[in-house]
Structure formats: structure tokens, C-alpha cells
């Protein structure tokens, strides 16, 4: 789902609407990914979805933040709002260091 913003611009006696597309929200992306996941199960049983999703999202989050901070773990920990020890533990857990 792509969000649309509509802006009305008044110029003289005429109104002109401008439609701009914004990127899907993180919520939209997760919702779509889960729909895709469940639609491809083909009747197979599923368990432990919560932990599966958390590990997938967490690993991608830490990797993205590390790329953003150019590998600086102290800055990455501050960006994430976690202490550096927690960050290092998670990075080892997901084999990112």
C-alpha cells in the first residue's frame, strides 16, 4: 500500500490539486510481508511466528543501523536506544560481528 498525499494549491481564482506518493510505512511493509507469508503456507501448520518475525526484523534493523553509522557500535547503540553491551550481544547472536 502506498500512501497518497493530496495538496490543494490556490492560485488566483483556480484551485489545483497535486498528488504526491509517499513511501509505504514500516507498518504497511510488515503487514504486506505477513500476508505474503501466510498466503504461501499452503495449509502447512505454523508456530512461533512471533520469534521468527522478531529475529528477522531485529537482524535487519541492526545491520541497517550499523551501515548507517559506518560500523560505529557506540553511535549505533545510541541510535537504537540500547546500551552497547546489548548491541554487541545481539550482533553476535545474528552473526553480524
PDB file of N, CA and C in Angstrom:
ATOM      1  N   UNK A   1       0.839  -1.167   0.000  1.00  0.00           N
ATOM      2  CA  UNK A   1       0.000   0.000   0.000  1.00  0.00           C
ATOM      3  C   UNK A   1       0.888   1.236   0.000  1.00  0.00           C
ATOM      4  N   UNK A   2       0.680   2.134  -0.939  1.00  0.00           N
ATOM      5  CA  UNK A   2       1.425   3.381  -0.998  1.00  0.00           C
ATOM      6  C   UNK A   2       0.496   4.494  -0.550  1.00  0.00           C
ATOM      7  N   UNK A   3       0.986   5.285   0.389  1.00  0.00           N
ATOM      8  CA  UNK A   3       0.196   6.391   0.891  1.00  0.00           C
ATOM      9  C   UNK A   3       0.229   7.535  -0.107  1.00  0.00           C
ATOM     10  N   UNK A   4      -0.902   8.212  -0.247  1.00  0.00           N
ATOM     11  CA  UNK A   4      -1.012   9.339  -1.159  1.00  0.00           C
ATOM     12  C   UNK A   4      -1.336  10.590  -0.359  1.00  0.00           C
ATOM     13  N   UNK A   5      -0.648  11.673  -0.638  1.00  0.00           N
ATOM     14  CA  UNK A   5      -0.949  12.960  -0.046  1.00  0.00           C
ATOM     15  C   UNK A   5      -1.533  13.844  -1.130  1.00  0.00           C
ATOM     16  N   UNK A   6      -2.621  14.515  -0.812  1.00  0.00           N
ATOM     17  CA  UNK A   6      -3.241  15.438  -1.756  1.00  0.00           C
ATOM     18  C   UNK A   6      -3.096  16.839  -1.188  1.00  0.00           C
ATOM     19  N   UNK A   7      -2.505  17.726  -1.970  1.00  0.00           N
ATOM     20  CA  UNK A   7      -2.320  19.111  -1.563  1.00  0.00           C
ATOM     21  C   UNK A   7      -3.089  19.994  -2.524  1.00  0.00           C
ATOM     22  N   UNK A   8      -3.919  20.873  -1.970  1.00  0.00           N
ATOM     23  CA  UNK A   8      -4.664  21.813  -2.798  1.00  0.00           C
ATOM     24  C   UNK A   8      -3.943  23.151  -2.782  1.00  0.00           C
ATOM     25  N   UNK A   9      -3.610  23.646  -3.961  1.00  0.00           N
ATOM     26  CA  UNK A   9      -2.912  24.913  -4.102  1.00  0.00           C
ATOM     27  C   UNK A   9      -3.858  25.907  -4.759  1.00  0.00           C
ATOM     28  N   UNK A  10      -4.026  27.049  -4.127  1.00  0.00           N
ATOM     29  CA  UNK A  10      -4.899  28.083  -4.680  1.00  0.00           C
ATOM     30  C   UNK A  10      -4.035  29.134  -5.355  1.00  0.00           C
ATOM     31  N   UNK A  11      -4.342  29.395  -6.609  1.00  0.00           N
ATOM     32  CA  UNK A  11      -3.607  30.393  -7.365  1.00  0.00           C
ATOM     33  C   UNK A  11      -4.626  31.257  -8.084  1.00  0.00           C
ATOM     34  N   UNK A  12      -4.781  32.487  -7.628  1.00  0.00           N
ATOM     35  CA  UNK A  12      -5.785  33.359  -8.222  1.00  0.00           C
ATOM     36  C   UNK A  12      -7.161  32.807  -7.946  1.00  0.00           C
ATOM     37  N   UNK A  13      -7.945  32.538  -8.992  1.00  0.00           N
ATOM     38  CA  UNK A  13      -9.298  32.008  -8.851  1.00  0.00           C
ATOM     39  C   UNK A  13      -9.363  30.497  -9.035  1.00  0.00           C
ATOM     40  N   UNK A  14      -8.224  29.862  -9.313  1.00  0.00           N
ATOM     41  CA  UNK A  14      -8.242  28.428  -9.620  1.00  0.00           C
ATOM     42  C   UNK A  14      -7.591  27.626  -8.493  1.00  0.00           C
ATOM     43  N   UNK A  15      -8.174  26.478  -8.227  1.00  0.00           N
ATOM     44  CA  UNK A  15      -7.583  25.526  -7.290  1.00  0.00           C
ATOM     45  C   UNK A  15      -6.954  24.403  -8.085  1.00  0.00           C
ATOM     46  N   UNK A  16      -5.767  24.020  -7.703  1.00  0.00           N
ATOM     47  CA  UNK A  16      -5.081  22.928  -8.383  1.00  0.00           C
ATOM     48  C   UNK A  16      -4.676  21.902  -7.330  1.00  0.00           C
ATOM     49  N   UNK A  17      -5.022  20.654  -7.575  1.00  0.00           N
ATOM     50  CA  UNK A  17      -4.655  19.586  -6.641  1.00  0.00           C
ATOM     51  C   UNK A  17      -3.399  18.895  -7.126  1.00  0.00           C
ATOM     52  N   UNK A  18      -2.466  18.705  -6.221  1.00  0.00           N
ATOM     53  CA  UNK A  18      -1.236  17.999  -6.513  1.00  0.00           C
ATOM     54  C   UNK A  18      -1.227  16.727  -5.688  1.00  0.00           C
ATOM     55  N   UNK A  19      -1.032  15.606  -6.355  1.00  0.00           N
ATOM     56  CA  UNK A  19      -0.990  14.321  -5.670  1.00  0.00           C
ATOM     57  C   UNK A  19       0.464  13.845  -5.639  1.00  0.00           C
ATOM     58  N   UNK A  20       0.949  13.562  -4.448  1.00  0.00           N
ATOM     59  CA  UNK A  20       2.300  13.044  -4.315  1.00  0.00           C
ATOM     60  C   UNK A  20       2.232  11.675  -3.643  1.00  0.00           C
ATOM     61  N   UNK A  21       3.105  10.796  -4.055  1.00  0.00           N
ATOM     62  CA  UNK A  21       3.162   9.468  -3.461  1.00  0.00           C
ATOM     63  C   UNK A  21       4.229   9.476  -2.373  1.00  0.00           C
ATOM     64  N   UNK A  22       3.899   8.893  -1.244  1.00  0.00           N
ATOM     65  CA  UNK A  22       4.885   8.715  -0.185  1.00  0.00           C
ATOM     66  C   UNK A  22       5.196   7.236  -0.063  1.00  0.00           C
ATOM     67  N   UNK A  23       6.313   6.933   0.530  1.00  0.00           N
ATOM     68  CA  UNK A  23       6.732   5.551   0.694  1.00  0.00           C
ATOM     69  C   UNK A  23       5.812   4.824   1.663  1.00  0.00           C
ATOM     70  N   UNK A  24       5.673   3.515   1.503  1.00  0.00           N
ATOM     71  CA  UNK A  24       4.878   2.754   2.469  1.00  0.00           C
ATOM     72  C   UNK A  24       5.518   2.858   3.851  1.00  0.00           C
ATOM     73  N   UNK A  25       4.689   2.832   4.872  1.00  0.00           N
ATOM     74  CA  UNK A  25       5.209   2.880   6.236  1.00  0.00           C
ATOM     75  C   UNK A  25       5.786   1.524   6.607  1.00  0.00           C
ATOM     76  N   UNK A  26       6.534   1.484   7.681  1.00  0.00           N
ATOM     77  CA  UNK A  26       7.067   0.223   8.176  1.00  0.00           C
ATOM     78  C   UNK A  26       5.919  -0.723   8.518  1.00  0.00           C
ATOM     79  N   UNK A  27       4.872  -0.178   9.091  1.00  0.00           N
ATOM     80  CA  UNK A  27       3.675  -0.968   9.411  1.00  0.00           C
ATOM     81  C   UNK A  27       3.102  -1.608   8.146  1.00  0.00           C
ATOM     82  N   UNK A  28       2.995  -0.825   7.081  1.00  0.00           N
ATOM     83  CA  UNK A  28       2.480  -1.335   5.809  1.00  0.00           C
ATOM     84  C   UNK A  28       3.356  -2.478   5.284  1.00  0.00           C
ATOM     85  N   UNK A  29       4.668  -2.308   5.388  1.00  0.00           N
ATOM     86  CA  UNK A  29       5.600  -3.328   4.885  1.00  0.00           C
ATOM     87  C   UNK A  29       5.477  -4.631   5.673  1.00  0.00           C
ATOM     88  N   UNK A  30       5.379  -4.516   6.996  1.00  0.00           N
ATOM     89  CA  UNK A  30       5.246  -5.716   7.826  1.00  0.00           C
ATOM     90  C   UNK A  30       3.921  -6.404   7.531  1.00  0.00           C
ATOM     91  N   UNK A  31       2.861  -5.614   7.433  1.00  0.00           N
ATOM     92  CA  UNK A  31       1.544  -6.184   7.149  1.00  0.00           C
ATOM     93  C   UNK A  31       1.548  -6.935   5.819  1.00  0.00           C
ATOM     94  N   UNK A  32       2.146  -6.353   4.798  1.00  0.00           N
ATOM     95  CA  UNK A  32       2.202  -6.996   3.490  1.00  0.00           C
ATOM     96  C   UNK A  32       3.069  -8.253   3.529  1.00  0.00           C
ATOM     97  N   UNK A  33       4.198  -8.186   4.230  1.00  0.00           N
ATOM     98  CA  UNK A  33       5.077  -9.353   4.339  1.00  0.00           C
ATOM     99  C   UNK A  33       4.360 -10.506   5.045  1.00  0.00           C
ATOM    100  N   UNK A  34       3.590 -10.193   6.082  1.00  0.00           N
ATOM    101  CA  UNK A  34       2.872 -11.245   6.803  1.00  0.00           C
ATOM    102  C   UNK A  34       1.759 -11.843   5.938  1.00  0.00           C
ATOM    103  N   UNK A  35       1.082 -10.996   5.174  1.00  0.00           N
ATOM    104  CA  UNK A  35       0.065 -11.514   4.250  1.00  0.00           C
ATOM    105  C   UNK A  35       0.705 -12.471   3.254  1.00  0.00           C
ATOM    106  N   UNK A  36       1.851 -12.085   2.706  1.00  0.00           N
ATOM    107  CA  UNK A  36       2.566 -12.940   1.755  1.00  0.00           C
ATOM    108  C   UNK A  36       2.987 -14.253   2.414  1.00  0.00           C
ATOM    109  N   UNK A  37       3.516 -14.157   3.627  1.00  0.00           N
ATOM    110  CA  UNK A  37       3.968 -15.347   4.344  1.00  0.00           C
ATOM    111  C   UNK A  37       2.811 -16.322   4.545  1.00  0.00           C
ATOM    112  N   UNK A  38       1.697 -15.818   5.071  1.00  0.00           N
ATOM    113  CA  UNK A  38       0.558 -16.698   5.340  1.00  0.00           C
ATOM    114  C   UNK A  38      -0.062 -17.251   4.056  1.00  0.00           C
ATOM    115  N   UNK A  39      -0.031 -16.475   2.985  1.00  0.00           N
ATOM    116  CA  UNK A  39      -0.625 -16.960   1.736  1.00  0.00           C
ATOM    117  C   UNK A  39       0.209 -18.059   1.092  1.00  0.00           C
ATOM    118  N   UNK A  40       1.488 -18.148   1.427  1.00  0.00           N
ATOM    119  CA  UNK A  40       2.356 -19.163   0.837  1.00  0.00           C
ATOM    120  C   UNK A  40       2.522 -20.405   1.708  1.00  0.00           C
ATOM    121  N   UNK A  41       1.823 -20.488   2.812  1.00  0.00           N
ATOM    122  CA  UNK A  41       1.950 -21.654   3.693  1.00  0.00           C
ATOM    123  C   UNK A  41       1.357 -22.919   3.079  1.00  0.00           C
ATOM    124  N   UNK A  42       0.390 -22.745   2.209  1.00  0.00           N
ATOM    125  CA  UNK A  42      -0.231 -23.869   1.509  1.00  0.00           C
ATOM    126  C   UNK A  42      -0.752 -24.928   2.488  1.00  0.00           C
ATOM    127  N   UNK A  43      -1.402 -24.457   3.556  1.00  0.00           N
ATOM    128  CA  UNK A  43      -2.022 -25.366   4.508  1.00  0.00           C
ATOM    129  C   UNK A  43      -1.094 -25.983   5.525  1.00  0.00           C
ATOM    130  N   UNK A  44       0.190 -25.683   5.458  1.00  0.00           N
ATOM    131  CA  UNK A  44       1.126 -26.242   6.423  1.00  0.00           C
ATOM    132  C   UNK A  44       0.953 -25.558   7.778  1.00  0.00           C
ATOM    133  N   UNK A  45       1.123 -26.304   8.862  1.00  0.00           N
ATOM    134  CA  UNK A  45       0.985 -25.689  10.188  1.00  0.00           C
ATOM    135  C   UNK A  45       2.117 -24.697  10.446  1.00  0.00           C
ATOM    136  N   UNK A  46       1.818 -23.718  11.239  1.00  0.00           N
ATOM    137  CA  UNK A  46       2.821 -22.704  11.558  1.00  0.00           C
ATOM    138  C   UNK A  46       2.790 -22.430  13.062  1.00  0.00           C
ATOM    139  N   UNK A  47       3.959 -22.294  13.644  1.00  0.00           N
ATOM    140  CA  UNK A  47       4.082 -21.947  15.062  1.00  0.00           C
ATOM    141  C   UNK A  47       5.244 -20.981  15.239  1.00  0.00           C
ATOM    142  N   UNK A  48       5.283 -20.334  16.363  1.00  0.00           N
ATOM    143  CA  UNK A  48       6.400 -19.467  16.750  1.00  0.00           C
ATOM    144  C   UNK A  48       6.629 -18.307  15.779  1.00  0.00           C
ATOM    145  N   UNK A  49       5.555 -17.783  15.219  1.00  0.00           N
ATOM    146  CA  UNK A  49       5.661 -16.677  14.265  1.00  0.00           C
ATOM    147  C   UNK A  49       6.266 -15.441  14.926  1.00  0.00           C
ATOM    148  N   UNK A  50       5.901 -15.195  16.167  1.00  0.00           N
ATOM    149  CA  UNK A  50       6.405 -14.018  16.880  1.00  0.00           C
ATOM    150  C   UNK A  50       7.927 -14.006  16.908  1.00  0.00           C
ATOM    151  N   UNK A  51       8.542 -15.098  17.355  1.00  0.00           N
ATOM    152  CA  UNK A  51      10.005 -15.148  17.427  1.00  0.00           C
ATOM    153  C   UNK A  51      10.648 -15.109  16.044  1.00  0.00           C
ATOM    154  N   UNK A  52      10.016 -15.729  15.056  1.00  0.00           N
ATOM    155  CA  UNK A  52      10.539 -15.701  13.698  1.00  0.00           C
ATOM    156  C   UNK A  52      10.587 -14.261  13.179  1.00  0.00           C
ATOM    157  N   UNK A  53       9.478 -13.548  13.355  1.00  0.00           N
ATOM    158  CA  UNK A  53       9.405 -12.170  12.865  1.00  0.00           C
ATOM    159  C   UNK A  53      10.400 -11.284  13.609  1.00  0.00           C
ATOM    160  N   UNK A  54      10.454 -11.407  14.935  1.00  0.00           N
ATOM    161  CA  UNK A  54      11.382 -10.585  15.704  1.00  0.00           C
ATOM    162  C   UNK A  54      12.826 -10.804  15.277  1.00  0.00           C
ATOM    163  N   UNK A  55      13.212 -12.050  15.075  1.00  0.00           N
ATOM    164  CA  UNK A  55      14.600 -12.295  14.689  1.00  0.00           C
ATOM    165  C   UNK A  55      14.901 -11.752  13.295  1.00  0.00           C
ATOM    166  N   UNK A  56      13.966 -11.875  12.387  1.00  0.00           N
ATOM    167  CA  UNK A  56      14.168 -11.337  11.037  1.00  0.00           C
ATOM    168  C   UNK A  56      14.264  -9.817  11.049  1.00  0.00           C
ATOM    169  N   UNK A  57      13.341  -9.196  11.768  1.00  0.00           N
ATOM    170  CA  UNK A  57      13.304  -7.733  11.812  1.00  0.00           C
ATOM    171  C   UNK A  57      14.497  -7.190  12.587  1.00  0.00           C
ATOM    172  N   UNK A  58      14.806  -7.813  13.717  1.00  0.00           N
ATOM    173  CA  UNK A  58      15.898  -7.342  14.553  1.00  0.00           C
ATOM    174  C   UNK A  58      17.229  -7.413  13.822  1.00  0.00           C
ATOM    175  N   UNK A  59      17.493  -8.508  13.155  1.00  0.00           N
ATOM    176  CA  UNK A  59      18.747  -8.655  12.421  1.00  0.00           C
ATOM    177  C   UNK A  59      18.871  -7.581  11.342  1.00  0.00           C
ATOM    178  N   UNK A  60      17.803  -7.361  10.595  1.00  0.00           N
ATOM    179  CA  UNK A  60      17.823  -6.341   9.541  1.00  0.00           C
ATOM    180  C   UNK A  60      17.983  -4.944  10.134  1.00  0.00           C
ATOM    181  N   UNK A  61      17.332  -4.700  11.269  1.00  0.00           N
ATOM    182  CA  UNK A  61      17.434  -3.403  11.946  1.00  0.00           C
ATOM    183  C   UNK A  61      18.875  -3.130  12.360  1.00  0.00           C
ATOM    184  N   UNK A  62      19.496  -4.090  13.039  1.00  0.00           N
ATOM    185  CA  UNK A  62      20.873  -3.887  13.498  1.00  0.00           C
ATOM    186  C   UNK A  62      21.827  -3.715  12.327  1.00  0.00           C
ATOM    187  N   UNK A  63      21.646  -4.497  11.288  1.00  0.00           N
ATOM    188  CA  UNK A  63      22.516  -4.382  10.120  1.00  0.00           C
ATOM    189  C   UNK A  63      22.363  -3.014   9.455  1.00  0.00           C
ATOM    190  N   UNK A  64      21.133  -2.537   9.323  1.00  0.00           N
ATOM    191  CA  UNK A  64      20.885  -1.232   8.704  1.00  0.00           C
ATOM    192  C   UNK A  64      21.469  -0.096   9.533  1.00  0.00           C
ATOM    193  N   UNK A  65      21.290  -0.169  10.847  1.00  0.00           N
ATOM    194  CA  UNK A  65      21.822   0.886  11.719  1.00  0.00           C
ATOM    195  C   UNK A  65      23.352   0.866  11.700  1.00  0.00           C
ATOM    196  N   UNK A  66      23.947  -0.316  11.701  1.00  0.00           N
ATOM    197  CA  UNK A  66      25.408  -0.393  11.616  1.00  0.00           C
ATOM    198  C   UNK A  66      25.922   0.202  10.304  1.00  0.00           C
ATOM    199  N   UNK A  67      25.224  -0.061   9.212  1.00  0.00           N
ATOM    200  CA  UNK A  67      25.610   0.545   7.930  1.00  0.00           C
ATOM    201  C   UNK A  67      25.478   2.056   7.993  1.00  0.00           C
ATOM    202  N   UNK A  68      24.396   2.532   8.604  1.00  0.00           N
ATOM    203  CA  UNK A  68      24.148   3.970   8.733  1.00  0.00           C
ATOM    204  C   UNK A  68      25.242   4.651   9.552  1.00  0.00           C
ATOM    205  N   UNK A  69      25.709   3.966  10.600  1.00  0.00           N
ATOM    206  CA  UNK A  69      26.740   4.543  11.474  1.00  0.00           C
ATOM    207  C   UNK A  69      28.147   4.149  11.044  1.00  0.00           C
ATOM    208  N   UNK A  70      28.252   3.537   9.881  1.00  0.00           N
ATOM    209  CA  UNK A  70      29.544   3.101   9.320  1.00  0.00           C
ATOM    210  C   UNK A  70      30.306   2.200  10.279  1.00  0.00           C
ATOM    211  N   UNK A  71      29.554   1.326  10.950  1.00  0.00           N
ATOM    212  CA  UNK A  71      30.164   0.339  11.825  1.00  0.00           C
ATOM    213  C   UNK A  71      30.477   0.824  13.230  1.00  0.00           C
ATOM    214  N   UNK A  72      30.181   2.066  13.537  1.00  0.00           N
ATOM    215  CA  UNK A  72      30.458   2.607  14.867  1.00  0.00           C
ATOM    216  C   UNK A  72      29.403   2.083  15.843  1.00  0.00           C
ATOM    217  N   UNK A  73      29.808   1.137  16.676  1.00  0.00           N
ATOM    218  CA  UNK A  73      28.860   0.474  17.570  1.00  0.00           C
ATOM    219  C   UNK A  73      28.349   1.399  18.673  1.00  0.00           C
ATOM    220  N   UNK A  74      29.174   2.311  19.139  1.00  0.00           N
ATOM    221  CA  UNK A  74      28.729   3.249  20.175  1.00  0.00           C
ATOM    222  C   UNK A  74      27.628   4.139  19.633  1.00  0.00           C
ATOM    223  N   UNK A  75      27.823   4.667  18.445  1.00  0.00           N
ATOM    224  CA  UNK A  75      26.796   5.520  17.823  1.00  0.00           C
ATOM    225  C   UNK A  75      25.567   4.684  17.487  1.00  0.00           C
ATOM    226  N   UNK A  76      25.771   3.472  17.000  1.00  0.00           N
ATOM    227  CA  UNK A  76      24.649   2.587  16.666  1.00  0.00           C
ATOM    228  C   UNK A  76      23.796   2.305  17.905  1.00  0.00           C
ATOM    229  N   UNK A  77      24.449   2.037  19.030  1.00  0.00           N
ATOM    230  CA  UNK A  77      23.719   1.785  20.273  1.00  0.00           C
ATOM    231  C   UNK A  77      22.897   3.002  20.664  1.00  0.00           C
ATOM    232  N   UNK A  78      23.463   4.194  20.499  1.00  0.00           N
ATOM    233  CA  UNK A  78      22.721   5.429  20.800  1.00  0.00           C
ATOM    234  C   UNK A  78      21.540   5.613  19.863  1.00  0.00           C
ATOM    235  N   UNK A  79      21.739   5.346  18.579  1.00  0.00           N
ATOM    236  CA  UNK A  79      20.658   5.468  17.595  1.00  0.00           C
ATOM    237  C   UNK A  79      19.519   4.508  17.951  1.00  0.00           C
ATOM    238  N   UNK A  80      19.876   3.302  18.349  1.00  0.00           N
ATOM    239  CA  UNK A  80      18.873   2.291  18.680  1.00  0.00           C
ATOM    240  C   UNK A  80      18.238   2.506  20.054  1.00  0.00           C
ATOM    241  N   UNK A  81      18.932   3.224  20.922  1.00  0.00           N
ATOM    242  CA  UNK A  81      18.415   3.419  22.268  1.00  0.00           C
ATOM    243  C   UNK A  81      18.669   2.228  23.173  1.00  0.00           C
ATOM    244  N   UNK A  82      19.742   1.489  22.893  1.00  0.00           N
ATOM    245  CA  UNK A  82      20.132   0.351  23.729  1.00  0.00           C
ATOM    246  C   UNK A  82      21.564   0.583  24.196  1.00  0.00           C
ATOM    247  N   UNK A  83      21.978  -0.127  25.241  1.00  0.00           N
ATOM    248  CA  UNK A  83      23.369   0.042  25.649  1.00  0.00           C
ATOM    249  C   UNK A  83      24.270  -0.770  24.732  1.00  0.00           C
ATOM    250  N   UNK A  84      25.554  -0.414  24.733  1.00  0.00           N
ATOM    251  CA  UNK A  84      26.490  -1.020  23.802  1.00  0.00           C
ATOM    252  C   UNK A  84      26.640  -2.517  24.045  1.00  0.00           C
ATOM    253  N   UNK A  85      26.573  -2.946  25.297  1.00  0.00           N
ATOM    254  CA  UNK A  85      26.675  -4.368  25.612  1.00  0.00           C
ATOM    255  C   UNK A  85      25.536  -5.169  24.998  1.00  0.00           C
ATOM    256  N   UNK A  86      24.321  -4.619  25.077  1.00  0.00           N
ATOM    257  CA  UNK A  86      23.161  -5.278  24.465  1.00  0.00           C
ATOM    258  C   UNK A  86      23.333  -5.360  22.958  1.00  0.00           C
ATOM    259  N   UNK A  87      23.808  -4.270  22.373  1.00  0.00           N
ATOM    260  CA  UNK A  87      24.030  -4.254  20.927  1.00  0.00           C
ATOM    261  C   UNK A  87      25.036  -5.337  20.536  1.00  0.00           C
ATOM    262  N   UNK A  88      26.156  -5.417  21.243  1.00  0.00           N
ATOM    263  CA  UNK A  88      27.176  -6.415  20.903  1.00  0.00           C
ATOM    264  C   UNK A  88      26.637  -7.830  21.056  1.00  0.00           C
ATOM    265  N   UNK A  89      25.853  -8.064  22.082  1.00  0.00           N
ATOM    266  CA  UNK A  89      25.244  -9.390  22.290  1.00  0.00           C
ATOM    267  C   UNK A  89      24.361  -9.759  21.097  1.00  0.00           C
ATOM    268  N   UNK A  90      23.537  -8.814  20.661  1.00  0.00           N
ATOM    269  CA  UNK A  90      22.642  -9.061  19.524  1.00  0.00           C
ATOM    270  C   UNK A  90      23.425  -9.226  18.229  1.00  0.00           C
ATOM    271  N   UNK A  91      24.470  -8.430  18.043  1.00  0.00           N
ATOM    272  CA  UNK A  91      25.282  -8.553  16.831  1.00  0.00           C
ATOM    273  C   UNK A  91      25.934  -9.927  16.752  1.00  0.00           C
ATOM    274  N   UNK A  92      26.377 -10.439  17.888  1.00  0.00           N
ATOM    275  CA  UNK A  92      26.949 -11.797  17.914  1.00  0.00           C
ATOM    276  C   UNK A  92      25.863 -12.836  17.660  1.00  0.00           C
ATOM    277  N   UNK A  93      24.700 -12.627  18.264  1.00  0.00           N
ATOM    278  CA  UNK A  93      23.580 -13.568  18.091  1.00  0.00           C
ATOM    279  C   UNK A  93      23.228 -13.718  16.622  1.00  0.00           C
ATOM    280  N   UNK A  94      23.221 -12.595  15.886  1.00  0.00           N
ATOM    281  CA  UNK A  94      22.848 -12.628  14.473  1.00  0.00           C
ATOM    282  C   UNK A  94      24.057 -12.736  13.544  1.00  0.00           C
ATOM    283  N   UNK A  95      25.213 -13.022  14.139  1.00  0.00           N
ATOM    284  CA  UNK A  95      26.467 -13.196  13.388  1.00  0.00           C
ATOM    285  C   UNK A  95      26.794 -12.002  12.496  1.00  0.00           C
ATOM    286  N   UNK A  96      26.594 -10.819  13.066  1.00  0.00           N
ATOM    287  CA  UNK A  96      26.913  -9.597  12.339  1.00  0.00           C
ATOM    288  C   UNK A  96      28.295  -9.079  12.706  1.00  0.00           C
ATOM    289  N   UNK A  97      28.919  -9.702  13.722  1.00  0.00           N
ATOM    290  CA  UNK A  97      30.322  -9.416  14.057  1.00  0.00           C
ATOM    291  C   UNK A  97      31.036 -10.731  14.306  1.00  0.00           C
TER     292      UNK A  97
END
